[in-house]
Amino acid sequence: MTDARTLLWSARAVLLDFDGPVTPLMPAPLNMQAADAARAALACHCLPPAEIRNTSDHLAIIRWAGAYAPNALPDVEAACIEAEVEAARTSEPTAGAHELIAALNHAGVPVVIVTNNAASSARTYLNRFDLAERVLDIVGRPERRPDLMKPNKHMVEEALRTTGATRGETLLIGDSVSDIEVAHAAGLQSLGYAKNMLRGQELSAAGADAMTKSIEALMR
């Protein structure tokens, strides 16, 4: 496996996941509160299966609504966006994330946030810390199209068009299996952020090109 810092600082562009590598957007109990809000919106239209009734993942609910209850999707999506933006108003930085964004910006390496959350949520967070001008773009969940969330390549392809870098020069940093999967599908290098041993095993099995336990450790 490649050294994480070597991989990062040889990249000409970085696509950066938001929830996790930049900020833990919805730690418990916020994750369940967001899921409950999405469920309440969905319940006005239909009764979902048990796995959706019990999940703490609001993104799983919006995916299900898009696939099986499209009439409910606008209400579910609105509930998710509200919860995501509200969380972004109070979430704390991942250690080293702001410094990494600033260092990449100083080095002339464009950074694009690519997130399955709403772009407005990431923008709210970045504006709180005066970081919005340090990222080239924010590519968030496409409106009314949860099927285009990662690991679909749609958002990554959109991000690539803004950077001017080739696929081989571009690195995606993320903390989920879907991040690693979409990086490989799009022909990018991938750096997995593994907060614990289990996540490290999952990202390694997914084929991450490099791994780090800490965003701080990526600084030169």
N, C-alpha and C. Protein backbone atom coordinates (compact mmCIF):
# COMPACT_ATOMS: atom_id res chain seq x y z
N MET A 1 0.85 -1.19 0.00
CA MET A 1 0.00 0.00 0.00
C MET A 1 0.89 1.25 0.00
N THR A 2 0.52 2.25 -0.76
CA THR A 2 1.30 3.48 -0.90
C THR A 2 1.26 4.29 0.39
N ASP A 3 2.34 5.01 0.68
CA ASP A 3 2.37 5.91 1.82
C ASP A 3 1.35 7.03 1.61
N ALA A 4 0.54 7.31 2.62
CA ALA A 4 -0.57 8.25 2.47
C ALA A 4 -0.09 9.66 2.14
N ARG A 5 0.93 10.14 2.83
CA ARG A 5 1.40 11.50 2.57
C ARG A 5 2.03 11.62 1.19
N THR A 6 2.76 10.60 0.77
CA THR A 6 3.34 10.61 -0.57
C THR A 6 2.25 10.68 -1.63
N LEU A 7 1.20 9.90 -1.45
CA LEU A 7 0.10 9.89 -2.40
C LEU A 7 -0.60 11.25 -2.44
N LEU A 8 -0.86 11.81 -1.27
CA LEU A 8 -1.56 13.09 -1.19
C LEU A 8 -0.77 14.20 -1.86
N TRP A 9 0.49 14.33 -1.50
CA TRP A 9 1.24 15.51 -1.96
C TRP A 9 1.80 15.36 -3.36
N SER A 10 1.54 14.22 -3.99
CA SER A 10 1.85 14.09 -5.41
C SER A 10 0.62 14.34 -6.28
N ALA A 11 -0.53 14.53 -5.66
CA ALA A 11 -1.76 14.77 -6.42
C ALA A 11 -1.81 16.19 -6.96
N ARG A 12 -2.44 16.35 -8.11
CA ARG A 12 -2.65 17.67 -8.71
C ARG A 12 -4.02 18.23 -8.38
N ALA A 13 -4.92 17.39 -7.87
CA ALA A 13 -6.25 17.82 -7.43
C ALA A 13 -6.74 16.83 -6.39
N VAL A 14 -7.54 17.33 -5.44
CA VAL A 14 -8.07 16.49 -4.37
C VAL A 14 -9.58 16.64 -4.31
N LEU A 15 -10.27 15.51 -4.36
CA LEU A 15 -11.71 15.46 -4.11
C LEU A 15 -11.87 14.98 -2.67
N LEU A 16 -12.56 15.75 -1.86
CA LEU A 16 -12.60 15.52 -0.42
C LEU A 16 -14.04 15.28 0.03
N ASP A 17 -14.26 14.12 0.62
CA ASP A 17 -15.55 13.85 1.24
C ASP A 17 -15.74 14.82 2.41
N PHE A 18 -17.00 15.10 2.74
CA PHE A 18 -17.32 16.12 3.75
C PHE A 18 -17.55 15.52 5.13
N ASP A 19 -18.56 14.67 5.25
CA ASP A 19 -18.92 14.08 6.54
C ASP A 19 -17.89 13.03 6.93
N GLY A 20 -17.06 13.37 7.87
CA GLY A 20 -15.98 12.48 8.30
C GLY A 20 -14.64 13.15 8.13
N PRO A 21 -14.11 13.25 6.91
CA PRO A 21 -12.80 13.86 6.72
C PRO A 21 -12.74 15.35 7.07
N VAL A 22 -13.85 16.07 6.91
CA VAL A 22 -13.87 17.51 7.23
C VAL A 22 -14.51 17.75 8.59
N THR A 23 -15.64 17.12 8.84
CA THR A 23 -16.34 17.25 10.11
C THR A 23 -17.20 16.02 10.35
N PRO A 24 -17.30 15.54 11.58
CA PRO A 24 -18.28 14.51 11.89
C PRO A 24 -19.66 15.16 11.95
N LEU A 25 -20.35 15.18 10.83
CA LEU A 25 -21.54 16.01 10.69
C LEU A 25 -22.66 15.60 11.62
N MET A 26 -22.90 14.31 11.75
CA MET A 26 -24.06 13.86 12.52
C MET A 26 -23.68 12.74 13.48
N PRO A 27 -22.93 13.07 14.52
CA PRO A 27 -22.69 12.06 15.55
C PRO A 27 -24.00 11.76 16.28
N ALA A 28 -24.08 10.60 16.91
CA ALA A 28 -25.25 10.27 17.70
C ALA A 28 -25.44 11.34 18.80
N PRO A 29 -26.67 11.77 19.07
CA PRO A 29 -27.94 11.27 18.53
C PRO A 29 -28.44 12.02 17.30
N LEU A 30 -27.62 12.93 16.74
CA LEU A 30 -28.09 13.72 15.60
C LEU A 30 -28.43 12.84 14.40
N ASN A 31 -27.68 11.74 14.22
CA ASN A 31 -27.95 10.87 13.08
C ASN A 31 -29.36 10.28 13.16
N MET A 32 -29.75 9.85 14.35
CA MET A 32 -31.09 9.29 14.51
C MET A 32 -32.16 10.36 14.39
N GLN A 33 -31.87 11.55 14.86
CA GLN A 33 -32.84 12.65 14.73
C GLN A 33 -33.08 12.99 13.26
N ALA A 34 -32.00 12.99 12.47
CA ALA A 34 -32.15 13.24 11.04
C ALA A 34 -32.94 12.12 10.38
N ALA A 35 -32.64 10.88 10.75
CA ALA A 35 -33.38 9.75 10.19
C ALA A 35 -34.85 9.82 10.59
N ASP A 36 -35.13 10.19 11.83
CA ASP A 36 -36.52 10.30 12.28
C ASP A 36 -37.27 11.37 11.48
N ALA A 37 -36.61 12.49 11.20
CA ALA A 37 -37.25 13.54 10.41
C ALA A 37 -37.55 13.06 9.00
N ALA A 38 -36.62 12.33 8.41
CA ALA A 38 -36.84 11.77 7.07
C ALA A 38 -37.96 10.74 7.09
N ARG A 39 -37.98 9.92 8.14
CA ARG A 39 -39.04 8.91 8.27
C ARG A 39 -40.41 9.54 8.43
N ALA A 40 -40.48 10.61 9.21
CA ALA A 40 -41.76 11.29 9.41
C ALA A 40 -42.30 11.83 8.09
N ALA A 41 -41.41 12.36 7.27
CA ALA A 41 -41.83 12.85 5.95
C ALA A 41 -42.30 11.69 5.08
N LEU A 42 -41.61 10.58 5.17
CA LEU A 42 -41.95 9.41 4.37
C LEU A 42 -43.28 8.80 4.83
N ALA A 43 -43.52 8.83 6.14
CA ALA A 43 -44.73 8.20 6.70
C ALA A 43 -46.01 8.86 6.23
N CYS A 44 -45.92 10.09 5.77
CA CYS A 44 -47.10 10.77 5.24
C CYS A 44 -47.53 10.17 3.91
N HIS A 45 -46.67 9.34 3.31
CA HIS A 45 -46.95 8.80 1.99
C HIS A 45 -47.07 7.28 1.98
N CYS A 46 -46.29 6.59 2.82
CA CYS A 46 -46.27 5.13 2.77
C CYS A 46 -45.65 4.55 4.02
N LEU A 47 -45.76 3.25 4.18
CA LEU A 47 -45.11 2.52 5.27
C LEU A 47 -43.91 1.79 4.70
N PRO A 48 -42.71 2.19 5.07
CA PRO A 48 -41.51 1.56 4.52
C PRO A 48 -41.22 0.23 5.21
N PRO A 49 -40.29 -0.55 4.67
CA PRO A 49 -39.93 -1.83 5.29
C PRO A 49 -39.19 -1.62 6.60
N ALA A 50 -39.00 -2.70 7.35
CA ALA A 50 -38.42 -2.64 8.68
C ALA A 50 -37.04 -2.01 8.69
N GLU A 51 -36.21 -2.33 7.70
CA GLU A 51 -34.85 -1.80 7.74
C GLU A 51 -34.83 -0.28 7.61
N ILE A 52 -35.82 0.28 6.92
CA ILE A 52 -35.92 1.73 6.80
C ILE A 52 -36.57 2.33 8.05
N ARG A 53 -37.49 1.60 8.64
CA ARG A 53 -38.12 2.09 9.87
C ARG A 53 -37.14 2.14 11.03
N ASN A 54 -36.07 1.35 10.97
CA ASN A 54 -35.16 1.23 12.10
C ASN A 54 -33.79 1.89 11.89
N THR A 55 -33.47 2.29 10.68
CA THR A 55 -32.13 2.78 10.40
C THR A 55 -31.86 4.14 11.04
N SER A 56 -30.59 4.38 11.38
CA SER A 56 -30.16 5.70 11.84
C SER A 56 -29.50 6.49 10.71
N ASP A 57 -29.58 5.98 9.49
CA ASP A 57 -28.93 6.59 8.32
C ASP A 57 -29.99 7.29 7.47
N HIS A 58 -30.03 8.61 7.54
CA HIS A 58 -31.03 9.34 6.77
C HIS A 58 -30.80 9.19 5.26
N LEU A 59 -29.55 8.94 4.86
CA LEU A 59 -29.28 8.76 3.43
C LEU A 59 -29.87 7.46 2.91
N ALA A 60 -29.95 6.45 3.76
CA ALA A 60 -30.61 5.20 3.36
C ALA A 60 -32.09 5.44 3.11
N ILE A 61 -32.68 6.35 3.88
CA ILE A 61 -34.11 6.65 3.73
C ILE A 61 -34.37 7.42 2.44
N ILE A 62 -33.51 8.38 2.15
CA ILE A 62 -33.72 9.14 0.91
C ILE A 62 -33.45 8.27 -0.32
N ARG A 63 -32.49 7.35 -0.22
CA ARG A 63 -32.27 6.40 -1.33
C ARG A 63 -33.53 5.55 -1.54
N TRP A 64 -34.10 5.05 -0.44
CA TRP A 64 -35.28 4.19 -0.55
C TRP A 64 -36.45 4.97 -1.14
N ALA A 65 -36.63 6.20 -0.70
CA ALA A 65 -37.73 7.01 -1.23
C ALA A 65 -37.55 7.24 -2.73
N GLY A 66 -36.34 7.50 -3.15
CA GLY A 66 -36.10 7.72 -4.57
C GLY A 66 -36.42 6.50 -5.40
N ALA A 67 -36.14 5.32 -4.84
CA ALA A 67 -36.34 4.08 -5.60
C ALA A 67 -37.76 3.57 -5.53
N TYR A 68 -38.43 3.72 -4.36
CA TYR A 68 -39.69 3.03 -4.15
C TYR A 68 -40.87 3.95 -3.81
N ALA A 69 -40.60 5.21 -3.49
CA ALA A 69 -41.69 6.12 -3.15
C ALA A 69 -41.39 7.51 -3.72
N PRO A 70 -41.29 7.61 -5.05
CA PRO A 70 -40.89 8.89 -5.65
C PRO A 70 -41.81 10.05 -5.32
N ASN A 71 -43.08 9.77 -5.05
CA ASN A 71 -43.98 10.85 -4.67
C ASN A 71 -43.61 11.46 -3.33
N ALA A 72 -42.97 10.66 -2.49
CA ALA A 72 -42.55 11.14 -1.17
C ALA A 72 -41.19 11.83 -1.20
N LEU A 73 -40.46 11.67 -2.29
CA LEU A 73 -39.08 12.13 -2.33
C LEU A 73 -38.92 13.62 -2.03
N PRO A 74 -39.74 14.51 -2.60
CA PRO A 74 -39.53 15.93 -2.28
C PRO A 74 -39.62 16.23 -0.79
N ASP A 75 -40.59 15.62 -0.10
CA ASP A 75 -40.73 15.87 1.34
C ASP A 75 -39.58 15.26 2.13
N VAL A 76 -39.17 14.05 1.75
CA VAL A 76 -38.05 13.39 2.43
C VAL A 76 -36.77 14.19 2.21
N GLU A 77 -36.57 14.62 0.98
CA GLU A 77 -35.37 15.39 0.66
C GLU A 77 -35.34 16.70 1.45
N ALA A 78 -36.46 17.37 1.54
CA ALA A 78 -36.51 18.63 2.29
C ALA A 78 -36.17 18.41 3.76
N ALA A 79 -36.67 17.32 4.33
CA ALA A 79 -36.37 17.01 5.73
C ALA A 79 -34.89 16.72 5.91
N CYS A 80 -34.30 16.01 4.97
CA CYS A 80 -32.87 15.69 5.04
C CYS A 80 -32.02 16.95 4.94
N ILE A 81 -32.36 17.81 4.01
CA ILE A 81 -31.58 19.04 3.83
C ILE A 81 -31.65 19.90 5.08
N GLU A 82 -32.84 20.02 5.65
CA GLU A 82 -32.98 20.81 6.88
C GLU A 82 -32.11 20.25 8.00
N ALA A 83 -32.12 18.93 8.16
CA ALA A 83 -31.32 18.31 9.21
C ALA A 83 -29.82 18.46 8.94
N GLU A 84 -29.41 18.32 7.69
CA GLU A 84 -28.00 18.44 7.33
C GLU A 84 -27.48 19.86 7.56
N VAL A 85 -28.26 20.85 7.15
CA VAL A 85 -27.84 22.24 7.33
C VAL A 85 -27.80 22.60 8.81
N GLU A 86 -28.80 22.15 9.55
CA GLU A 86 -28.81 22.43 10.99
C GLU A 86 -27.60 21.81 11.67
N ALA A 87 -27.26 20.58 11.29
CA ALA A 87 -26.08 19.93 11.87
C ALA A 87 -24.80 20.70 11.54
N ALA A 88 -24.73 21.23 10.33
CA ALA A 88 -23.53 21.95 9.89
C ALA A 88 -23.32 23.25 10.66
N ARG A 89 -24.36 23.74 11.30
CA ARG A 89 -24.24 24.98 12.07
C ARG A 89 -23.51 24.78 13.40
N THR A 90 -23.39 23.53 13.84
CA THR A 90 -22.78 23.27 15.15
C THR A 90 -21.68 22.21 15.12
N SER A 91 -21.51 21.48 14.02
CA SER A 91 -20.55 20.38 14.00
C SER A 91 -19.12 20.91 14.15
N GLU A 92 -18.28 20.09 14.76
CA GLU A 92 -16.90 20.47 15.04
C GLU A 92 -15.96 19.94 13.97
N PRO A 93 -14.82 20.59 13.78
CA PRO A 93 -13.88 20.12 12.75
C PRO A 93 -13.25 18.77 13.09
N THR A 94 -13.01 17.99 12.08
CA THR A 94 -12.12 16.85 12.22
C THR A 94 -10.70 17.38 12.40
N ALA A 95 -9.99 16.84 13.36
CA ALA A 95 -8.65 17.35 13.67
C ALA A 95 -7.77 17.35 12.43
N GLY A 96 -7.24 18.51 12.11
CA GLY A 96 -6.34 18.64 10.97
C GLY A 96 -7.00 18.98 9.66
N ALA A 97 -8.33 18.90 9.59
CA ALA A 97 -9.00 19.08 8.30
C ALA A 97 -8.86 20.50 7.77
N HIS A 98 -9.06 21.49 8.63
CA HIS A 98 -8.96 22.87 8.16
C HIS A 98 -7.54 23.19 7.73
N GLU A 99 -6.58 22.70 8.49
CA GLU A 99 -5.18 22.93 8.15
C GLU A 99 -4.82 22.26 6.82
N LEU A 100 -5.38 21.08 6.58
CA LEU A 100 -5.10 20.39 5.32
C LEU A 100 -5.67 21.17 4.14
N ILE A 101 -6.90 21.64 4.27
CA ILE A 101 -7.51 22.43 3.18
C ILE A 101 -6.69 23.67 2.92
N ALA A 102 -6.25 24.34 3.97
CA ALA A 102 -5.45 25.55 3.81
C ALA A 102 -4.10 25.24 3.15
N ALA A 103 -3.48 24.12 3.55
CA ALA A 103 -2.17 23.76 3.00
C ALA A 103 -2.28 23.41 1.52
N LEU A 104 -3.31 22.68 1.16
CA LEU A 104 -3.51 22.34 -0.25
C LEU A 104 -3.77 23.60 -1.06
N ASN A 105 -4.57 24.49 -0.51
CA ASN A 105 -4.85 25.76 -1.19
C ASN A 105 -3.56 26.54 -1.38
N HIS A 106 -2.74 26.60 -0.36
CA HIS A 106 -1.47 27.33 -0.44
C HIS A 106 -0.54 26.71 -1.48
N ALA A 107 -0.61 25.38 -1.61
CA ALA A 107 0.24 24.67 -2.57
C ALA A 107 -0.31 24.73 -3.99
N GLY A 108 -1.46 25.34 -4.18
CA GLY A 108 -2.05 25.44 -5.51
C GLY A 108 -2.75 24.18 -5.97
N VAL A 109 -3.11 23.31 -5.01
CA VAL A 109 -3.81 22.07 -5.34
C VAL A 109 -5.30 22.31 -5.14
N PRO A 110 -6.11 22.28 -6.20
CA PRO A 110 -7.53 22.53 -6.04
C PRO A 110 -8.21 21.44 -5.23
N VAL A 111 -9.11 21.86 -4.35
CA VAL A 111 -9.89 20.96 -3.51
C VAL A 111 -11.36 21.12 -3.86
N VAL A 112 -12.02 20.00 -4.16
CA VAL A 112 -13.45 20.01 -4.41
C VAL A 112 -14.11 19.09 -3.37
N ILE A 113 -15.07 19.63 -2.65
CA ILE A 113 -15.85 18.82 -1.72
C ILE A 113 -16.87 18.01 -2.54
N VAL A 114 -16.88 16.70 -2.32
CA VAL A 114 -17.84 15.82 -3.01
C VAL A 114 -18.56 15.03 -1.92
N THR A 115 -19.85 15.33 -1.75
CA THR A 115 -20.57 14.80 -0.60
C THR A 115 -21.96 14.30 -0.97
N ASN A 116 -22.37 13.23 -0.31
CA ASN A 116 -23.74 12.74 -0.47
C ASN A 116 -24.75 13.56 0.31
N ASN A 117 -24.25 14.49 1.13
CA ASN A 117 -25.13 15.43 1.80
C ASN A 117 -25.41 16.60 0.85
N ALA A 118 -26.33 17.46 1.27
CA ALA A 118 -26.67 18.62 0.45
C ALA A 118 -25.48 19.57 0.38
N ALA A 119 -25.27 20.15 -0.79
CA ALA A 119 -24.20 21.13 -0.94
C ALA A 119 -24.38 22.29 0.03
N SER A 120 -25.63 22.65 0.31
CA SER A 120 -25.89 23.76 1.23
C SER A 120 -25.39 23.47 2.63
N SER A 121 -25.37 22.20 3.01
CA SER A 121 -24.84 21.83 4.32
C SER A 121 -23.34 22.06 4.38
N ALA A 122 -22.62 21.58 3.37
CA ALA A 122 -21.17 21.80 3.33
C ALA A 122 -20.84 23.28 3.25
N ARG A 123 -21.63 24.02 2.47
CA ARG A 123 -21.37 25.46 2.34
C ARG A 123 -21.59 26.18 3.67
N THR A 124 -22.64 25.79 4.39
CA THR A 124 -22.90 26.38 5.70
C THR A 124 -21.72 26.16 6.64
N TYR A 125 -21.21 24.95 6.64
CA TYR A 125 -20.07 24.63 7.51
C TYR A 125 -18.83 25.44 7.10
N LEU A 126 -18.48 25.41 5.83
CA LEU A 126 -17.28 26.11 5.37
C LEU A 126 -17.36 27.60 5.64
N ASN A 127 -18.55 28.18 5.48
CA ASN A 127 -18.71 29.61 5.74
C ASN A 127 -18.50 29.94 7.21
N ARG A 128 -18.85 29.03 8.10
CA ARG A 128 -18.64 29.27 9.54
C ARG A 128 -17.18 29.51 9.86
N PHE A 129 -16.32 28.84 9.10
CA PHE A 129 -14.88 28.87 9.41
C PHE A 129 -14.08 29.60 8.33
N ASP A 130 -14.76 30.37 7.48
CA ASP A 130 -14.09 31.15 6.43
C ASP A 130 -13.23 30.27 5.53
N LEU A 131 -13.76 29.09 5.22
CA LEU A 131 -13.03 28.15 4.37
C LEU A 131 -13.60 28.06 2.96
N ALA A 132 -14.73 28.67 2.71
CA ALA A 132 -15.40 28.50 1.42
C ALA A 132 -14.51 28.94 0.26
N GLU A 133 -13.73 29.99 0.47
CA GLU A 133 -12.88 30.48 -0.62
C GLU A 133 -11.65 29.61 -0.84
N ARG A 134 -11.41 28.67 0.07
CA ARG A 134 -10.25 27.79 -0.07
C ARG A 134 -10.58 26.50 -0.84
N VAL A 135 -11.86 26.29 -1.15
CA VAL A 135 -12.23 25.14 -1.97
C VAL A 135 -12.72 25.64 -3.33
N LEU A 136 -12.39 24.88 -4.34
CA LEU A 136 -12.76 25.27 -5.70
C LEU A 136 -14.25 25.16 -5.94
N ASP A 137 -14.86 24.10 -5.38
CA ASP A 137 -16.28 23.86 -5.64
C ASP A 137 -16.81 22.89 -4.58
N ILE A 138 -18.13 22.85 -4.48
CA ILE A 138 -18.82 21.87 -3.64
C ILE A 138 -19.80 21.14 -4.54
N VAL A 139 -19.65 19.82 -4.63
CA VAL A 139 -20.59 19.01 -5.40
C VAL A 139 -21.35 18.14 -4.41
N GLY A 140 -22.63 18.47 -4.25
CA GLY A 140 -23.46 17.75 -3.30
C GLY A 140 -24.49 16.87 -3.98
N ARG A 141 -25.30 16.25 -3.16
CA ARG A 141 -26.33 15.31 -3.64
C ARG A 141 -27.23 15.98 -4.68
N PRO A 142 -27.36 15.39 -5.86
CA PRO A 142 -28.19 16.00 -6.89
C PRO A 142 -29.66 16.05 -6.46
N GLU A 143 -30.30 17.18 -6.70
CA GLU A 143 -31.70 17.35 -6.32
C GLU A 143 -32.59 16.31 -7.01
N ARG A 144 -33.39 15.65 -6.21
CA ARG A 144 -34.37 14.65 -6.66
C ARG A 144 -33.73 13.42 -7.30
N ARG A 145 -32.40 13.25 -7.16
CA ARG A 145 -31.73 12.11 -7.77
C ARG A 145 -30.80 11.42 -6.78
N PRO A 146 -31.35 10.85 -5.70
CA PRO A 146 -30.48 10.15 -4.76
C PRO A 146 -29.76 8.95 -5.37
N ASP A 147 -30.27 8.47 -6.49
CA ASP A 147 -29.59 7.36 -7.17
C ASP A 147 -28.23 7.78 -7.72
N LEU A 148 -27.97 9.08 -7.80
CA LEU A 148 -26.70 9.57 -8.31
C LEU A 148 -25.69 9.87 -7.21
N MET A 149 -26.05 9.56 -5.96
CA MET A 149 -25.08 9.70 -4.88
C MET A 149 -23.95 8.68 -5.06
N LYS A 150 -22.80 8.97 -4.44
CA LYS A 150 -21.73 7.98 -4.43
C LYS A 150 -22.25 6.66 -3.85
N PRO A 151 -21.90 5.51 -4.43
CA PRO A 151 -20.77 5.26 -5.34
C PRO A 151 -21.06 5.47 -6.83
N ASN A 152 -22.21 6.03 -7.19
CA ASN A 152 -22.39 6.43 -8.58
C ASN A 152 -21.31 7.47 -8.95
N LYS A 153 -20.83 7.43 -10.16
CA LYS A 153 -19.73 8.31 -10.57
C LYS A 153 -20.17 9.74 -10.89
N HIS A 154 -21.47 10.01 -10.90
CA HIS A 154 -21.98 11.29 -11.39
C HIS A 154 -21.31 12.49 -10.73
N MET A 155 -21.27 12.53 -9.41
CA MET A 155 -20.73 13.70 -8.71
C MET A 155 -19.23 13.82 -8.88
N VAL A 156 -18.55 12.69 -8.91
CA VAL A 156 -17.11 12.70 -9.13
C VAL A 156 -16.78 13.23 -10.53
N GLU A 157 -17.55 12.81 -11.51
CA GLU A 157 -17.32 13.29 -12.88
C GLU A 157 -17.55 14.80 -12.95
N GLU A 158 -18.57 15.29 -12.25
CA GLU A 158 -18.81 16.74 -12.22
C GLU A 158 -17.64 17.46 -11.58
N ALA A 159 -17.14 16.91 -10.48
CA ALA A 159 -16.01 17.53 -9.80
C ALA A 159 -14.77 17.55 -10.69
N LEU A 160 -14.53 16.47 -11.39
CA LEU A 160 -13.35 16.40 -12.25
C LEU A 160 -13.35 17.48 -13.31
N ARG A 161 -14.52 17.82 -13.81
CA ARG A 161 -14.61 18.85 -14.86
C ARG A 161 -14.17 20.21 -14.36
N THR A 162 -14.20 20.44 -13.05
CA THR A 162 -13.85 21.76 -12.51
C THR A 162 -12.37 21.91 -12.20
N THR A 163 -11.64 20.79 -12.07
CA THR A 163 -10.28 20.89 -11.53
C THR A 163 -9.21 21.12 -12.59
N GLY A 164 -9.45 20.66 -13.80
CA GLY A 164 -8.43 20.75 -14.84
C GLY A 164 -7.37 19.69 -14.75
N ALA A 165 -7.47 18.81 -13.76
CA ALA A 165 -6.49 17.73 -13.58
C ALA A 165 -6.99 16.46 -14.27
N THR A 166 -6.06 15.59 -14.63
CA THR A 166 -6.44 14.31 -15.21
C THR A 166 -6.89 13.36 -14.09
N ARG A 167 -7.49 12.26 -14.49
CA ARG A 167 -7.92 11.27 -13.50
C ARG A 167 -6.72 10.71 -12.73
N GLY A 168 -5.64 10.44 -13.44
CA GLY A 168 -4.46 9.89 -12.79
C GLY A 168 -3.79 10.83 -11.82
N GLU A 169 -4.07 12.14 -11.96
CA GLU A 169 -3.48 13.15 -11.08
C GLU A 169 -4.38 13.49 -9.90
N THR A 170 -5.56 12.88 -9.84
CA THR A 170 -6.58 13.26 -8.87
C THR A 170 -6.72 12.22 -7.78
N LEU A 171 -6.80 12.70 -6.55
CA LEU A 171 -6.94 11.84 -5.37
C LEU A 171 -8.28 12.11 -4.70
N LEU A 172 -8.97 11.04 -4.34
CA LEU A 172 -10.19 11.16 -3.55
C LEU A 172 -9.92 10.68 -2.14
N ILE A 173 -10.26 11.53 -1.16
CA ILE A 173 -10.10 11.19 0.26
C ILE A 173 -11.49 10.98 0.85
N GLY A 174 -11.73 9.82 1.42
CA GLY A 174 -13.03 9.54 2.01
C GLY A 174 -12.94 8.51 3.10
N ASP A 175 -14.03 8.40 3.87
CA ASP A 175 -14.03 7.48 5.00
C ASP A 175 -15.04 6.35 4.86
N SER A 176 -15.61 6.18 3.68
CA SER A 176 -16.60 5.13 3.47
C SER A 176 -16.20 4.24 2.30
N VAL A 177 -16.75 3.04 2.31
CA VAL A 177 -16.49 2.10 1.22
C VAL A 177 -16.95 2.69 -0.11
N SER A 178 -18.06 3.43 -0.08
CA SER A 178 -18.55 4.02 -1.33
C SER A 178 -17.56 5.01 -1.91
N ASP A 179 -16.80 5.71 -1.07
CA ASP A 179 -15.78 6.63 -1.57
C ASP A 179 -14.68 5.87 -2.32
N ILE A 180 -14.24 4.77 -1.75
CA ILE A 180 -13.19 3.99 -2.40
C ILE A 180 -13.72 3.37 -3.69
N GLU A 181 -14.95 2.88 -3.65
CA GLU A 181 -15.54 2.26 -4.84
C GLU A 181 -15.67 3.26 -5.97
N VAL A 182 -16.14 4.46 -5.67
CA VAL A 182 -16.34 5.44 -6.74
C VAL A 182 -15.01 5.95 -7.27
N ALA A 183 -13.99 6.04 -6.41
CA ALA A 183 -12.67 6.44 -6.89
C ALA A 183 -12.15 5.45 -7.92
N HIS A 184 -12.26 4.17 -7.62
CA HIS A 184 -11.78 3.16 -8.56
C HIS A 184 -12.61 3.15 -9.83
N ALA A 185 -13.92 3.31 -9.69
CA ALA A 185 -14.79 3.31 -10.87
C ALA A 185 -14.46 4.47 -11.80
N ALA A 186 -14.03 5.59 -11.22
CA ALA A 186 -13.73 6.79 -12.02
C ALA A 186 -12.26 6.86 -12.43
N GLY A 187 -11.45 5.90 -12.01
CA GLY A 187 -10.05 5.90 -12.38
C GLY A 187 -9.18 6.83 -11.57
N LEU A 188 -9.57 7.09 -10.30
CA LEU A 188 -8.81 7.97 -9.42
C LEU A 188 -8.03 7.17 -8.39
N GLN A 189 -7.02 7.79 -7.80
CA GLN A 189 -6.37 7.24 -6.63
C GLN A 189 -7.29 7.48 -5.43
N SER A 190 -7.18 6.62 -4.42
CA SER A 190 -8.05 6.76 -3.25
C SER A 190 -7.25 6.68 -1.97
N LEU A 191 -7.62 7.55 -1.01
CA LEU A 191 -6.99 7.57 0.31
C LEU A 191 -8.09 7.40 1.33
N GLY A 192 -8.06 6.31 2.07
CA GLY A 192 -9.09 6.03 3.04
C GLY A 192 -8.77 6.60 4.40
N TYR A 193 -9.74 7.30 4.98
CA TYR A 193 -9.61 7.83 6.34
C TYR A 193 -10.32 6.86 7.27
N ALA A 194 -9.55 6.11 8.04
CA ALA A 194 -10.09 5.04 8.87
C ALA A 194 -10.02 5.45 10.33
N LYS A 195 -11.17 5.74 10.92
CA LYS A 195 -11.21 6.23 12.30
C LYS A 195 -11.04 5.11 13.33
N ASN A 196 -11.22 3.88 12.89
CA ASN A 196 -11.05 2.74 13.80
C ASN A 196 -10.61 1.52 13.00
N MET A 197 -10.30 0.44 13.72
CA MET A 197 -9.75 -0.75 13.06
C MET A 197 -10.74 -1.37 12.09
N LEU A 198 -12.01 -1.45 12.49
CA LEU A 198 -13.02 -2.04 11.61
C LEU A 198 -13.14 -1.26 10.32
N ARG A 199 -13.19 0.07 10.41
CA ARG A 199 -13.29 0.87 9.19
C ARG A 199 -12.04 0.70 8.33
N GLY A 200 -10.91 0.59 8.97
CA GLY A 200 -9.68 0.36 8.22
C GLY A 200 -9.73 -0.94 7.44
N GLN A 201 -10.25 -1.98 8.05
CA GLN A 201 -10.39 -3.27 7.37
C GLN A 201 -11.34 -3.16 6.19
N GLU A 202 -12.43 -2.41 6.38
CA GLU A 202 -13.43 -2.25 5.31
C GLU A 202 -12.84 -1.47 4.13
N LEU A 203 -12.13 -0.41 4.43
CA LEU A 203 -11.56 0.41 3.35
C LEU A 203 -10.43 -0.32 2.64
N SER A 204 -9.65 -1.07 3.40
CA SER A 204 -8.59 -1.86 2.79
C SER A 204 -9.17 -2.93 1.87
N ALA A 205 -10.23 -3.60 2.33
CA ALA A 205 -10.87 -4.63 1.51
C ALA A 205 -11.48 -4.03 0.25
N ALA A 206 -11.92 -2.77 0.34
CA ALA A 206 -12.51 -2.10 -0.83
C ALA A 206 -11.45 -1.68 -1.84
N GLY A 207 -10.17 -1.71 -1.41
CA GLY A 207 -9.09 -1.43 -2.34
C GLY A 207 -8.48 -0.04 -2.24
N ALA A 208 -8.55 0.59 -1.06
CA ALA A 208 -7.94 1.91 -0.90
C ALA A 208 -6.46 1.85 -1.25
N ASP A 209 -5.98 2.85 -1.98
CA ASP A 209 -4.58 2.88 -2.39
C ASP A 209 -3.66 3.26 -1.23
N ALA A 210 -4.20 4.01 -0.28
CA ALA A 210 -3.45 4.39 0.92
C ALA A 210 -4.45 4.60 2.04
N MET A 211 -3.95 4.59 3.27
CA MET A 211 -4.82 4.72 4.44
C MET A 211 -4.19 5.67 5.44
N THR A 212 -5.05 6.34 6.21
CA THR A 212 -4.59 7.12 7.34
C THR A 212 -5.58 7.00 8.48
N LYS A 213 -5.07 6.99 9.70
CA LYS A 213 -5.94 6.98 10.87
C LYS A 213 -6.27 8.40 11.31
N SER A 214 -5.58 9.38 10.72
CA SER A 214 -5.71 10.76 11.17
C SER A 214 -5.52 11.71 10.01
N ILE A 215 -6.40 12.69 9.87
CA ILE A 215 -6.20 13.72 8.86
C ILE A 215 -4.97 14.56 9.20
N GLU A 216 -4.74 14.79 10.50
CA GLU A 216 -3.56 15.55 10.92
C GLU A 216 -2.27 14.92 10.42
N ALA A 217 -2.25 13.59 10.37
CA ALA A 217 -1.03 12.88 9.97
C ALA A 217 -0.67 13.10 8.51
N LEU A 218 -1.59 13.67 7.74
CA LEU A 218 -1.33 13.90 6.32
C LEU A 218 -0.53 15.17 6.06
N MET A 219 -0.40 15.99 7.09
CA MET A 219 0.32 17.25 6.91
C MET A 219 1.80 16.98 6.74
N ARG A 220 2.43 17.74 5.87
CA ARG A 220 3.87 17.56 5.60
C ARG A 220 4.69 18.10 6.75
